[in-house]
Amino acid sequence: MEPRVPLVNIATLERRTAPMQQRARDRIDLVLKATERLLATTTVDTITTSSIAAEADVPVSSIYRYFPNVFAIYKELFETRVAQIHGRIAEILEDGQYTTWRQRHLAVMLVLRSTLSDDPIYRPLFHLMLTTRELRIVKDQANAQIASYLATRWEQGLDGFRGGTPLAVARMATEIFTSFETLTSGELQPELTEQLFVEATVALERYLSFYLTDDAAG
């Protein structure tokens, strides 16, 4: 049985204060990198502010000066990675080398696949977003951001969008997109992970084919 993750209040997931001095920013960076190392090498239920402080070689009080709890650290790490993924998706969607939405779709799915393969802490972070109620809100907000971006694109007629409500289609497409993350957030055999990636890619392409056309510009 998985350890029960305690509930936290969403208001306690924000930094206590913004660091003004370089020394403070450096210390926060030490804390974030120490948490990354622990996520990559230990189980989540063993990570505490004390273990992070020991790994970062800083006093526990330094952590509490900026982060109210360990979940606030997870939130910052997750949001940083989500911003990177969204940035790469935006680059693909705006890149003229892709002449059809199907090419862009595959490139976007490969971004997600490479993130899960190359970043050793993205999987445990995403699992935390699923299993902690307040952190799930952070995940839902991230999904809403990318859906809003897609809806704006489709409202402009890009990708040959037709026959649906842009925001509704974008929200559903985003859920299908992140289903691969959800299904593989736990430990799986590499073969099954690859099979799930193929299935998620096919499912999203078939769904989008009802609303997007290849013969339109953009």
N, C-alpha and C. Protein backbone atom coordinates (compact mmCIF):
# COMPACT_ATOMS: atom_id res chain seq x y z
N MET A 1 0.85 -1.20 0.00
CA MET A 1 0.00 0.00 0.00
C MET A 1 0.88 1.25 0.00
N GLU A 2 0.51 2.23 -0.84
CA GLU A 2 1.29 3.46 -0.91
C GLU A 2 1.10 4.28 0.36
N PRO A 3 2.13 5.01 0.80
CA PRO A 3 1.99 5.84 1.99
C PRO A 3 0.96 6.94 1.76
N ARG A 4 0.19 7.24 2.77
CA ARG A 4 -0.81 8.28 2.67
C ARG A 4 -0.13 9.65 2.69
N VAL A 5 -0.40 10.43 1.66
CA VAL A 5 0.22 11.75 1.57
C VAL A 5 -0.66 12.74 2.32
N PRO A 6 -0.14 13.46 3.30
CA PRO A 6 -0.96 14.38 4.07
C PRO A 6 -1.50 15.53 3.24
N LEU A 7 -2.66 16.02 3.62
CA LEU A 7 -3.26 17.14 2.93
C LEU A 7 -2.61 18.45 3.37
N VAL A 8 -2.47 19.36 2.46
CA VAL A 8 -1.94 20.68 2.78
C VAL A 8 -2.88 21.72 2.20
N ASN A 9 -2.86 22.89 2.77
CA ASN A 9 -3.68 23.98 2.29
C ASN A 9 -3.00 24.66 1.13
N ILE A 10 -3.75 24.95 0.05
CA ILE A 10 -3.16 25.57 -1.14
C ILE A 10 -2.47 26.88 -0.81
N ALA A 11 -2.96 27.58 0.21
CA ALA A 11 -2.35 28.86 0.57
C ALA A 11 -0.95 28.68 1.14
N THR A 12 -0.62 27.47 1.59
CA THR A 12 0.69 27.24 2.19
C THR A 12 1.68 26.68 1.17
N LEU A 13 1.36 26.78 -0.11
CA LEU A 13 2.25 26.28 -1.15
C LEU A 13 3.08 27.38 -1.79
N GLU A 14 2.88 28.61 -1.38
CA GLU A 14 3.63 29.73 -1.96
C GLU A 14 4.84 30.05 -1.11
N ARG A 15 5.85 30.60 -1.75
CA ARG A 15 7.03 31.04 -1.01
C ARG A 15 6.63 32.08 0.03
N ARG A 16 7.32 32.06 1.15
CA ARG A 16 7.01 33.02 2.20
C ARG A 16 7.42 34.44 1.79
N THR A 17 8.55 34.54 1.09
CA THR A 17 9.05 35.85 0.69
C THR A 17 9.94 35.69 -0.52
N ALA A 18 10.05 36.74 -1.29
CA ALA A 18 10.91 36.70 -2.47
C ALA A 18 12.32 37.10 -2.07
N PRO A 19 13.32 36.30 -2.44
CA PRO A 19 14.70 36.62 -2.07
C PRO A 19 15.21 37.85 -2.83
N MET A 20 15.81 38.77 -2.12
CA MET A 20 16.32 39.99 -2.74
C MET A 20 17.83 39.93 -2.97
N GLN A 21 18.54 39.27 -2.09
CA GLN A 21 19.99 39.22 -2.18
C GLN A 21 20.44 37.94 -2.88
N GLN A 22 21.60 38.03 -3.55
CA GLN A 22 22.13 36.88 -4.27
C GLN A 22 22.37 35.70 -3.34
N ARG A 23 22.81 35.98 -2.12
CA ARG A 23 23.07 34.91 -1.16
C ARG A 23 21.80 34.11 -0.88
N ALA A 24 20.70 34.81 -0.75
CA ALA A 24 19.42 34.13 -0.51
C ALA A 24 19.00 33.32 -1.72
N ARG A 25 19.18 33.87 -2.91
CA ARG A 25 18.83 33.13 -4.12
C ARG A 25 19.70 31.88 -4.27
N ASP A 26 20.97 32.01 -3.92
CA ASP A 26 21.87 30.86 -3.99
C ASP A 26 21.42 29.77 -3.02
N ARG A 27 20.98 30.17 -1.84
CA ARG A 27 20.54 29.18 -0.85
C ARG A 27 19.27 28.48 -1.33
N ILE A 28 18.37 29.22 -1.92
CA ILE A 28 17.15 28.59 -2.46
C ILE A 28 17.52 27.60 -3.55
N ASP A 29 18.48 27.97 -4.37
CA ASP A 29 18.93 27.06 -5.44
C ASP A 29 19.51 25.78 -4.85
N LEU A 30 20.25 25.91 -3.76
CA LEU A 30 20.79 24.72 -3.08
C LEU A 30 19.67 23.81 -2.60
N VAL A 31 18.62 24.41 -2.04
CA VAL A 31 17.48 23.65 -1.54
C VAL A 31 16.77 22.93 -2.68
N LEU A 32 16.55 23.62 -3.78
CA LEU A 32 15.87 23.02 -4.92
C LEU A 32 16.68 21.88 -5.52
N LYS A 33 17.97 22.08 -5.67
CA LYS A 33 18.82 21.03 -6.25
C LYS A 33 18.93 19.84 -5.30
N ALA A 34 18.97 20.10 -4.00
CA ALA A 34 19.03 19.01 -3.03
C ALA A 34 17.74 18.18 -3.10
N THR A 35 16.61 18.84 -3.24
CA THR A 35 15.34 18.14 -3.35
C THR A 35 15.30 17.30 -4.62
N GLU A 36 15.83 17.84 -5.70
CA GLU A 36 15.90 17.08 -6.95
C GLU A 36 16.72 15.80 -6.77
N ARG A 37 17.86 15.93 -6.10
CA ARG A 37 18.70 14.74 -5.90
C ARG A 37 17.98 13.69 -5.06
N LEU A 38 17.27 14.12 -4.04
CA LEU A 38 16.54 13.18 -3.20
C LEU A 38 15.40 12.52 -3.96
N LEU A 39 14.69 13.29 -4.78
CA LEU A 39 13.60 12.72 -5.57
C LEU A 39 14.13 11.67 -6.56
N ALA A 40 15.35 11.88 -7.02
CA ALA A 40 15.93 10.97 -8.00
C ALA A 40 16.51 9.71 -7.38
N THR A 41 16.76 9.74 -6.07
CA THR A 41 17.49 8.63 -5.44
C THR A 41 16.76 7.95 -4.29
N THR A 42 15.69 8.58 -3.77
CA THR A 42 14.97 8.00 -2.65
C THR A 42 13.47 8.01 -2.92
N THR A 43 12.70 7.42 -2.03
CA THR A 43 11.25 7.46 -2.17
C THR A 43 10.70 8.73 -1.55
N VAL A 44 9.59 9.17 -2.09
CA VAL A 44 9.01 10.45 -1.68
C VAL A 44 8.68 10.47 -0.19
N ASP A 45 8.18 9.36 0.34
CA ASP A 45 7.74 9.35 1.74
C ASP A 45 8.89 9.49 2.73
N THR A 46 10.14 9.38 2.26
CA THR A 46 11.29 9.55 3.15
C THR A 46 11.85 10.97 3.12
N ILE A 47 11.33 11.80 2.23
CA ILE A 47 11.85 13.16 2.07
C ILE A 47 11.14 14.11 3.03
N THR A 48 11.91 14.82 3.81
CA THR A 48 11.38 15.82 4.74
C THR A 48 12.21 17.08 4.61
N THR A 49 11.75 18.15 5.24
CA THR A 49 12.55 19.37 5.23
C THR A 49 13.92 19.14 5.89
N SER A 50 13.95 18.27 6.89
CA SER A 50 15.22 17.97 7.56
C SER A 50 16.18 17.24 6.63
N SER A 51 15.66 16.26 5.87
CA SER A 51 16.54 15.53 4.96
C SER A 51 17.01 16.43 3.81
N ILE A 52 16.14 17.34 3.39
CA ILE A 52 16.54 18.28 2.34
C ILE A 52 17.62 19.22 2.86
N ALA A 53 17.44 19.69 4.08
CA ALA A 53 18.44 20.59 4.68
C ALA A 53 19.79 19.89 4.81
N ALA A 54 19.76 18.62 5.21
CA ALA A 54 21.00 17.87 5.34
C ALA A 54 21.67 17.68 3.98
N GLU A 55 20.87 17.36 2.98
CA GLU A 55 21.40 17.17 1.63
C GLU A 55 21.96 18.47 1.06
N ALA A 56 21.30 19.59 1.36
CA ALA A 56 21.74 20.89 0.86
C ALA A 56 22.83 21.51 1.71
N ASP A 57 23.06 20.93 2.89
CA ASP A 57 24.04 21.46 3.85
C ASP A 57 23.69 22.89 4.27
N VAL A 58 22.41 23.05 4.60
CA VAL A 58 21.94 24.34 5.10
C VAL A 58 21.09 24.09 6.33
N PRO A 59 20.91 25.07 7.20
CA PRO A 59 20.04 24.89 8.36
C PRO A 59 18.58 24.71 7.93
N VAL A 60 17.83 23.94 8.69
CA VAL A 60 16.40 23.77 8.39
C VAL A 60 15.69 25.12 8.40
N SER A 61 16.14 26.00 9.26
CA SER A 61 15.51 27.32 9.35
C SER A 61 15.62 28.08 8.02
N SER A 62 16.67 27.80 7.25
CA SER A 62 16.82 28.45 5.95
C SER A 62 15.73 28.03 4.99
N ILE A 63 15.31 26.76 5.10
CA ILE A 63 14.23 26.29 4.25
C ILE A 63 12.92 26.96 4.63
N TYR A 64 12.64 26.98 5.94
CA TYR A 64 11.37 27.55 6.39
C TYR A 64 11.30 29.07 6.19
N ARG A 65 12.44 29.69 6.01
CA ARG A 65 12.43 31.12 5.74
C ARG A 65 11.75 31.42 4.40
N TYR A 66 11.87 30.47 3.47
CA TYR A 66 11.33 30.70 2.12
C TYR A 66 10.21 29.74 1.74
N PHE A 67 10.24 28.53 2.28
CA PHE A 67 9.23 27.54 1.92
C PHE A 67 8.49 27.07 3.18
N PRO A 68 7.17 27.17 3.19
CA PRO A 68 6.41 26.77 4.39
C PRO A 68 6.43 25.27 4.65
N ASN A 69 6.66 24.47 3.61
CA ASN A 69 6.68 23.01 3.76
C ASN A 69 7.32 22.40 2.53
N VAL A 70 7.49 21.09 2.56
CA VAL A 70 8.15 20.41 1.45
C VAL A 70 7.29 20.45 0.19
N PHE A 71 5.97 20.54 0.35
CA PHE A 71 5.09 20.57 -0.82
C PHE A 71 5.28 21.84 -1.63
N ALA A 72 5.61 22.93 -0.97
CA ALA A 72 5.87 24.18 -1.67
C ALA A 72 7.12 24.04 -2.54
N ILE A 73 8.08 23.25 -2.08
CA ILE A 73 9.28 23.00 -2.88
C ILE A 73 8.92 22.16 -4.10
N TYR A 74 8.12 21.13 -3.89
CA TYR A 74 7.67 20.29 -5.01
C TYR A 74 6.93 21.14 -6.03
N LYS A 75 6.07 22.03 -5.56
CA LYS A 75 5.30 22.88 -6.45
C LYS A 75 6.23 23.72 -7.34
N GLU A 76 7.26 24.29 -6.75
CA GLU A 76 8.17 25.13 -7.53
C GLU A 76 8.93 24.30 -8.56
N LEU A 77 9.36 23.12 -8.17
CA LEU A 77 10.07 22.25 -9.10
C LEU A 77 9.17 21.83 -10.26
N PHE A 78 7.92 21.50 -9.94
CA PHE A 78 6.98 21.07 -10.97
C PHE A 78 6.66 22.22 -11.92
N GLU A 79 6.39 23.39 -11.38
CA GLU A 79 6.03 24.53 -12.22
C GLU A 79 7.18 24.94 -13.13
N THR A 80 8.41 24.80 -12.66
CA THR A 80 9.56 25.10 -13.51
C THR A 80 9.59 24.17 -14.71
N ARG A 81 9.35 22.89 -14.46
CA ARG A 81 9.38 21.92 -15.55
C ARG A 81 8.20 22.09 -16.49
N VAL A 82 7.05 22.40 -15.95
CA VAL A 82 5.88 22.63 -16.80
C VAL A 82 6.11 23.83 -17.72
N ALA A 83 6.71 24.88 -17.18
CA ALA A 83 6.99 26.06 -17.99
C ALA A 83 7.94 25.70 -19.13
N GLN A 84 8.90 24.84 -18.87
CA GLN A 84 9.83 24.41 -19.91
C GLN A 84 9.11 23.60 -20.98
N ILE A 85 8.23 22.69 -20.55
CA ILE A 85 7.47 21.89 -21.51
C ILE A 85 6.57 22.76 -22.36
N HIS A 86 5.86 23.68 -21.72
CA HIS A 86 4.97 24.57 -22.46
C HIS A 86 5.74 25.44 -23.43
N GLY A 87 6.94 25.87 -23.04
CA GLY A 87 7.77 26.67 -23.93
C GLY A 87 8.18 25.88 -25.16
N ARG A 88 8.53 24.61 -24.97
CA ARG A 88 8.91 23.77 -26.10
C ARG A 88 7.71 23.48 -27.01
N ILE A 89 6.54 23.31 -26.40
CA ILE A 89 5.33 23.09 -27.20
C ILE A 89 5.03 24.32 -28.05
N ALA A 90 5.13 25.50 -27.44
CA ALA A 90 4.87 26.74 -28.18
C ALA A 90 5.85 26.89 -29.34
N GLU A 91 7.10 26.55 -29.13
CA GLU A 91 8.10 26.64 -30.19
C GLU A 91 7.73 25.72 -31.36
N ILE A 92 7.27 24.51 -31.04
CA ILE A 92 6.88 23.57 -32.09
C ILE A 92 5.68 24.08 -32.87
N LEU A 93 4.68 24.58 -32.15
CA LEU A 93 3.46 25.03 -32.82
C LEU A 93 3.70 26.26 -33.69
N GLU A 94 4.73 27.03 -33.37
CA GLU A 94 5.04 28.23 -34.15
C GLU A 94 6.12 27.98 -35.21
N ASP A 95 6.69 26.79 -35.21
CA ASP A 95 7.80 26.47 -36.11
C ASP A 95 7.29 26.17 -37.52
N GLY A 96 7.76 26.93 -38.48
CA GLY A 96 7.31 26.76 -39.85
C GLY A 96 7.78 25.50 -40.53
N GLN A 97 8.73 24.78 -39.93
CA GLN A 97 9.20 23.55 -40.58
C GLN A 97 8.16 22.45 -40.55
N TYR A 98 7.18 22.57 -39.63
CA TYR A 98 6.10 21.60 -39.58
C TYR A 98 4.96 22.11 -40.45
N THR A 99 4.64 21.38 -41.49
CA THR A 99 3.66 21.87 -42.46
C THR A 99 2.25 21.35 -42.20
N THR A 100 2.09 20.38 -41.32
CA THR A 100 0.75 19.87 -41.00
C THR A 100 0.60 19.75 -39.48
N TRP A 101 -0.64 19.76 -39.02
CA TRP A 101 -0.87 19.61 -37.59
C TRP A 101 -0.45 18.24 -37.11
N ARG A 102 -0.48 17.24 -37.97
CA ARG A 102 -0.07 15.90 -37.57
C ARG A 102 1.43 15.85 -37.25
N GLN A 103 2.22 16.57 -38.02
CA GLN A 103 3.66 16.64 -37.73
C GLN A 103 3.89 17.35 -36.40
N ARG A 104 3.15 18.42 -36.18
CA ARG A 104 3.30 19.14 -34.91
C ARG A 104 2.85 18.27 -33.74
N HIS A 105 1.76 17.54 -33.95
CA HIS A 105 1.25 16.66 -32.90
C HIS A 105 2.30 15.65 -32.47
N LEU A 106 2.94 14.99 -33.43
CA LEU A 106 3.94 13.99 -33.09
C LEU A 106 5.14 14.63 -32.38
N ALA A 107 5.56 15.81 -32.85
CA ALA A 107 6.69 16.49 -32.22
C ALA A 107 6.37 16.86 -30.78
N VAL A 108 5.14 17.30 -30.52
CA VAL A 108 4.73 17.66 -29.17
C VAL A 108 4.71 16.42 -28.27
N MET A 109 4.19 15.31 -28.77
CA MET A 109 4.15 14.08 -27.98
C MET A 109 5.58 13.61 -27.66
N LEU A 110 6.49 13.80 -28.59
CA LEU A 110 7.87 13.39 -28.34
C LEU A 110 8.54 14.26 -27.28
N VAL A 111 8.10 15.51 -27.16
CA VAL A 111 8.59 16.36 -26.07
C VAL A 111 8.22 15.74 -24.74
N LEU A 112 6.98 15.31 -24.61
CA LEU A 112 6.52 14.68 -23.38
C LEU A 112 7.26 13.38 -23.12
N ARG A 113 7.45 12.61 -24.16
CA ARG A 113 8.16 11.33 -24.01
C ARG A 113 9.59 11.55 -23.55
N SER A 114 10.27 12.51 -24.14
CA SER A 114 11.67 12.76 -23.77
C SER A 114 11.78 13.30 -22.35
N THR A 115 10.78 14.10 -21.95
CA THR A 115 10.80 14.63 -20.58
C THR A 115 10.73 13.50 -19.56
N LEU A 116 9.83 12.56 -19.79
CA LEU A 116 9.69 11.43 -18.88
C LEU A 116 10.92 10.52 -18.90
N SER A 117 11.58 10.44 -20.05
CA SER A 117 12.73 9.56 -20.18
C SER A 117 14.00 10.20 -19.62
N ASP A 118 14.15 11.52 -19.85
CA ASP A 118 15.43 12.17 -19.56
C ASP A 118 15.50 12.86 -18.21
N ASP A 119 14.36 13.22 -17.65
CA ASP A 119 14.35 13.92 -16.37
C ASP A 119 13.98 12.93 -15.27
N PRO A 120 14.94 12.54 -14.44
CA PRO A 120 14.68 11.49 -13.45
C PRO A 120 13.69 11.87 -12.37
N ILE A 121 13.38 13.16 -12.21
CA ILE A 121 12.46 13.52 -11.13
C ILE A 121 11.08 13.93 -11.64
N TYR A 122 10.90 14.00 -12.97
CA TYR A 122 9.59 14.43 -13.45
C TYR A 122 8.51 13.42 -13.10
N ARG A 123 8.83 12.14 -13.21
CA ARG A 123 7.84 11.11 -12.90
C ARG A 123 7.39 11.15 -11.44
N PRO A 124 8.32 11.16 -10.46
CA PRO A 124 7.85 11.27 -9.06
C PRO A 124 7.15 12.58 -8.77
N LEU A 125 7.58 13.66 -9.41
CA LEU A 125 6.89 14.94 -9.21
C LEU A 125 5.46 14.86 -9.71
N PHE A 126 5.29 14.30 -10.90
CA PHE A 126 3.95 14.20 -11.47
C PHE A 126 3.08 13.30 -10.61
N HIS A 127 3.67 12.23 -10.08
CA HIS A 127 2.91 11.34 -9.19
C HIS A 127 2.42 12.10 -7.96
N LEU A 128 3.24 12.99 -7.45
CA LEU A 128 2.82 13.83 -6.32
C LEU A 128 1.66 14.74 -6.71
N MET A 129 1.67 15.24 -7.93
CA MET A 129 0.58 16.09 -8.39
C MET A 129 -0.74 15.32 -8.44
N LEU A 130 -0.65 14.02 -8.66
CA LEU A 130 -1.85 13.19 -8.72
C LEU A 130 -2.35 12.76 -7.35
N THR A 131 -1.44 12.55 -6.42
CA THR A 131 -1.82 11.92 -5.15
C THR A 131 -1.99 12.91 -4.00
N THR A 132 -1.67 14.16 -4.21
CA THR A 132 -1.87 15.18 -3.18
C THR A 132 -2.92 16.16 -3.68
N ARG A 133 -4.01 16.30 -2.94
CA ARG A 133 -5.15 17.08 -3.42
C ARG A 133 -4.76 18.48 -3.86
N GLU A 134 -4.05 19.19 -2.99
CA GLU A 134 -3.71 20.57 -3.31
C GLU A 134 -2.68 20.67 -4.45
N LEU A 135 -1.79 19.69 -4.52
CA LEU A 135 -0.84 19.70 -5.63
C LEU A 135 -1.54 19.33 -6.94
N ARG A 136 -2.61 18.58 -6.86
CA ARG A 136 -3.37 18.27 -8.07
C ARG A 136 -3.95 19.55 -8.67
N ILE A 137 -4.28 20.49 -7.81
CA ILE A 137 -4.77 21.78 -8.29
C ILE A 137 -3.70 22.45 -9.15
N VAL A 138 -2.44 22.32 -8.74
CA VAL A 138 -1.33 22.89 -9.51
C VAL A 138 -1.27 22.24 -10.89
N LYS A 139 -1.43 20.92 -10.93
CA LYS A 139 -1.45 20.20 -12.21
C LYS A 139 -2.61 20.66 -13.08
N ASP A 140 -3.80 20.80 -12.47
CA ASP A 140 -4.97 21.24 -13.23
C ASP A 140 -4.77 22.64 -13.79
N GLN A 141 -4.11 23.50 -13.03
CA GLN A 141 -3.84 24.85 -13.51
C GLN A 141 -2.88 24.81 -14.70
N ALA A 142 -1.91 23.91 -14.64
CA ALA A 142 -0.96 23.77 -15.76
C ALA A 142 -1.69 23.30 -17.01
N ASN A 143 -2.61 22.34 -16.85
CA ASN A 143 -3.40 21.87 -17.99
C ASN A 143 -4.25 22.99 -18.56
N ALA A 144 -4.83 23.80 -17.68
CA ALA A 144 -5.68 24.90 -18.13
C ALA A 144 -4.87 25.92 -18.93
N GLN A 145 -3.63 26.12 -18.56
CA GLN A 145 -2.79 27.08 -19.28
C GLN A 145 -2.53 26.63 -20.71
N ILE A 146 -2.15 25.37 -20.88
CA ILE A 146 -1.87 24.90 -22.24
C ILE A 146 -3.16 24.82 -23.05
N ALA A 147 -4.27 24.48 -22.40
CA ALA A 147 -5.56 24.44 -23.11
C ALA A 147 -5.95 25.83 -23.59
N SER A 148 -5.72 26.83 -22.77
CA SER A 148 -6.03 28.21 -23.15
C SER A 148 -5.19 28.64 -24.34
N TYR A 149 -3.92 28.24 -24.34
CA TYR A 149 -3.03 28.57 -25.45
C TYR A 149 -3.53 27.93 -26.75
N LEU A 150 -3.90 26.65 -26.68
CA LEU A 150 -4.40 25.96 -27.86
C LEU A 150 -5.71 26.56 -28.35
N ALA A 151 -6.61 26.88 -27.39
CA ALA A 151 -7.90 27.46 -27.77
C ALA A 151 -7.71 28.78 -28.50
N THR A 152 -6.80 29.61 -28.02
CA THR A 152 -6.53 30.89 -28.69
C THR A 152 -6.02 30.66 -30.10
N ARG A 153 -5.16 29.68 -30.25
CA ARG A 153 -4.63 29.33 -31.57
C ARG A 153 -5.76 28.90 -32.51
N TRP A 154 -6.62 28.05 -32.00
CA TRP A 154 -7.68 27.50 -32.85
C TRP A 154 -8.78 28.53 -33.13
N GLU A 155 -8.99 29.45 -32.21
CA GLU A 155 -9.95 30.53 -32.47
C GLU A 155 -9.51 31.39 -33.65
N GLN A 156 -8.22 31.38 -33.92
CA GLN A 156 -7.68 32.13 -35.06
C GLN A 156 -7.71 31.31 -36.34
N GLY A 157 -8.23 30.10 -36.25
CA GLY A 157 -8.34 29.24 -37.42
C GLY A 157 -7.08 28.48 -37.77
N LEU A 158 -6.08 28.53 -36.90
CA LEU A 158 -4.85 27.80 -37.18
C LEU A 158 -5.07 26.30 -37.05
N ASP A 159 -4.24 25.54 -37.74
CA ASP A 159 -4.35 24.07 -37.79
C ASP A 159 -5.64 23.64 -38.48
N GLY A 160 -6.29 24.57 -39.20
CA GLY A 160 -7.52 24.22 -39.90
C GLY A 160 -8.64 23.82 -38.97
N PHE A 161 -8.70 24.44 -37.79
CA PHE A 161 -9.73 24.06 -36.81
C PHE A 161 -11.12 24.35 -37.34
N ARG A 162 -12.02 23.38 -37.16
CA ARG A 162 -13.42 23.58 -37.54
C ARG A 162 -14.30 22.57 -36.84
N GLY A 163 -15.57 22.94 -36.68
CA GLY A 163 -16.57 22.00 -36.21
C GLY A 163 -16.67 21.77 -34.72
N GLY A 164 -16.07 22.64 -33.91
CA GLY A 164 -16.16 22.45 -32.47
C GLY A 164 -15.90 23.74 -31.72
N THR A 165 -16.05 23.68 -30.42
CA THR A 165 -15.76 24.82 -29.56
C THR A 165 -14.29 24.75 -29.17
N PRO A 166 -13.47 25.73 -29.57
CA PRO A 166 -12.02 25.65 -29.37
C PRO A 166 -11.60 25.30 -27.94
N LEU A 167 -12.17 25.99 -26.94
CA LEU A 167 -11.73 25.74 -25.58
C LEU A 167 -12.11 24.34 -25.11
N ALA A 168 -13.31 23.88 -25.45
CA ALA A 168 -13.74 22.54 -25.04
C ALA A 168 -12.84 21.48 -25.67
N VAL A 169 -12.57 21.64 -26.95
CA VAL A 169 -11.70 20.68 -27.64
C VAL A 169 -10.29 20.73 -27.06
N ALA A 170 -9.81 21.94 -26.77
CA ALA A 170 -8.47 22.10 -26.21
C ALA A 170 -8.36 21.46 -24.84
N ARG A 171 -9.39 21.62 -24.01
CA ARG A 171 -9.35 21.01 -22.68
C ARG A 171 -9.33 19.49 -22.78
N MET A 172 -10.15 18.94 -23.68
CA MET A 172 -10.17 17.48 -23.84
C MET A 172 -8.85 16.98 -24.41
N ALA A 173 -8.31 17.70 -25.39
CA ALA A 173 -7.03 17.30 -25.99
C ALA A 173 -5.92 17.31 -24.94
N THR A 174 -5.95 18.30 -24.07
CA THR A 174 -4.93 18.39 -23.01
C THR A 174 -5.04 17.22 -22.05
N GLU A 175 -6.26 16.81 -21.72
CA GLU A 175 -6.44 15.67 -20.83
C GLU A 175 -5.92 14.38 -21.48
N ILE A 176 -6.17 14.23 -22.77
CA ILE A 176 -5.65 13.05 -23.46
C ILE A 176 -4.13 13.09 -23.49
N PHE A 177 -3.59 14.28 -23.74
CA PHE A 177 -2.14 14.48 -23.79
C PHE A 177 -1.48 14.07 -22.48
N THR A 178 -2.06 14.52 -21.38
CA THR A 178 -1.47 14.22 -20.07
C THR A 178 -1.85 12.84 -19.54
N SER A 179 -2.72 12.13 -20.23
CA SER A 179 -3.08 10.78 -19.79
C SER A 179 -1.85 9.87 -19.80
N PHE A 180 -0.94 10.11 -20.72
CA PHE A 180 0.28 9.31 -20.75
C PHE A 180 1.09 9.53 -19.48
N GLU A 181 1.18 10.78 -19.03
CA GLU A 181 1.87 11.07 -17.77
C GLU A 181 1.18 10.36 -16.60
N THR A 182 -0.15 10.41 -16.60
CA THR A 182 -0.91 9.80 -15.51
C THR A 182 -0.69 8.29 -15.45
N LEU A 183 -0.76 7.64 -16.61
CA LEU A 183 -0.64 6.19 -16.67
C LEU A 183 0.76 5.70 -16.36
N THR A 184 1.77 6.54 -16.59
CA THR A 184 3.15 6.10 -16.39
C THR A 184 3.81 6.78 -15.19
N SER A 185 3.02 7.42 -14.33
CA SER A 185 3.61 8.12 -13.19
C SER A 185 4.18 7.15 -12.17
N GLY A 186 3.68 5.91 -12.16
CA GLY A 186 4.25 4.90 -11.29
C GLY A 186 5.38 4.16 -11.99
N GLU A 187 5.94 3.18 -11.32
CA GLU A 187 7.02 2.40 -11.91
C GLU A 187 6.44 1.38 -12.88
N LEU A 188 6.87 1.46 -14.13
CA LEU A 188 6.41 0.53 -15.15
C LEU A 188 7.59 -0.05 -15.91
N GLN A 189 7.37 -1.20 -16.53
CA GLN A 189 8.39 -1.76 -17.40
C GLN A 189 8.54 -0.87 -18.62
N PRO A 190 9.76 -0.69 -19.12
CA PRO A 190 9.98 0.17 -20.29
C PRO A 190 9.12 -0.20 -21.48
N GLU A 191 8.90 -1.50 -21.68
CA GLU A 191 8.10 -1.94 -22.83
C GLU A 191 6.66 -1.44 -22.71
N LEU A 192 6.10 -1.52 -21.50
CA LEU A 192 4.73 -1.05 -21.30
C LEU A 192 4.66 0.46 -21.43
N THR A 193 5.66 1.16 -20.93
CA THR A 193 5.69 2.61 -21.06
C THR A 193 5.66 3.01 -22.53
N GLU A 194 6.43 2.34 -23.35
CA GLU A 194 6.47 2.65 -24.77
C GLU A 194 5.13 2.35 -25.44
N GLN A 195 4.51 1.25 -25.05
CA GLN A 195 3.22 0.89 -25.62
C GLN A 195 2.16 1.94 -25.26
N LEU A 196 2.20 2.40 -24.01
CA LEU A 196 1.24 3.41 -23.57
C LEU A 196 1.47 4.73 -24.31
N PHE A 197 2.74 5.05 -24.57
CA PHE A 197 3.03 6.26 -25.33
C PHE A 197 2.43 6.17 -26.73
N VAL A 198 2.60 5.03 -27.37
CA VAL A 198 2.04 4.84 -28.72
C VAL A 198 0.52 4.98 -28.69
N GLU A 199 -0.12 4.35 -27.68
CA GLU A 199 -1.57 4.41 -27.60
C GLU A 199 -2.06 5.84 -27.35
N ALA A 200 -1.38 6.57 -26.46
CA ALA A 200 -1.77 7.96 -26.18
C ALA A 200 -1.60 8.83 -27.42
N THR A 201 -0.54 8.59 -28.18
CA THR A 201 -0.28 9.35 -29.40
C THR A 201 -1.38 9.10 -30.42
N VAL A 202 -1.74 7.83 -30.59
CA VAL A 202 -2.80 7.48 -31.54
C VAL A 202 -4.14 8.05 -31.09
N ALA A 203 -4.44 7.92 -29.80
CA ALA A 203 -5.73 8.41 -29.28
C ALA A 203 -5.87 9.91 -29.50
N LEU A 204 -4.82 10.67 -29.22
CA LEU A 204 -4.90 12.12 -29.38
C LEU A 204 -5.00 12.50 -30.85
N GLU A 205 -4.24 11.82 -31.70
CA GLU A 205 -4.30 12.15 -33.13
C GLU A 205 -5.69 11.87 -33.69
N ARG A 206 -6.27 10.76 -33.30
CA ARG A 206 -7.61 10.43 -33.81
C ARG A 206 -8.65 11.42 -33.30
N TYR A 207 -8.51 11.83 -32.05
CA TYR A 207 -9.45 12.82 -31.52
C TYR A 207 -9.32 14.14 -32.28
N LEU A 208 -8.08 14.61 -32.45
CA LEU A 208 -7.88 15.89 -33.11
C LEU A 208 -8.29 15.86 -34.59
N SER A 209 -8.27 14.68 -35.18
CA SER A 209 -8.62 14.58 -36.61
C SER A 209 -10.06 14.96 -36.88
N PHE A 210 -10.91 14.97 -35.84
CA PHE A 210 -12.30 15.40 -36.00
C PHE A 210 -12.40 16.92 -36.13
N TYR A 211 -11.37 17.63 -35.69
CA TYR A 211 -11.46 19.09 -35.61
C TYR A 211 -10.38 19.84 -36.40
N LEU A 212 -9.29 19.16 -36.74
CA LEU A 212 -8.18 19.82 -37.43
C LEU A 212 -8.04 19.26 -38.84
N THR A 213 -7.59 20.09 -39.76
CA THR A 213 -7.40 19.65 -41.15
C THR A 213 -6.00 19.99 -41.62
N ASP A 214 -5.47 19.16 -42.49
CA ASP A 214 -4.12 19.36 -42.99
C ASP A 214 -4.03 20.35 -44.15
N ASP A 215 -5.17 20.66 -44.73
CA ASP A 215 -5.11 21.47 -45.96
C ASP A 215 -5.22 22.96 -45.67
N ALA A 216 -5.21 23.35 -44.38
CA ALA A 216 -5.26 24.78 -44.06
C ALA A 216 -3.89 25.25 -43.66
N ALA A 217 -3.59 26.49 -43.91
CA ALA A 217 -2.28 27.04 -43.55
C ALA A 217 -2.19 27.19 -42.04
N GLY A 218 -0.98 26.97 -41.49
CA GLY A 218 -0.74 27.17 -40.06
C GLY A 218 -1.02 25.96 -39.23
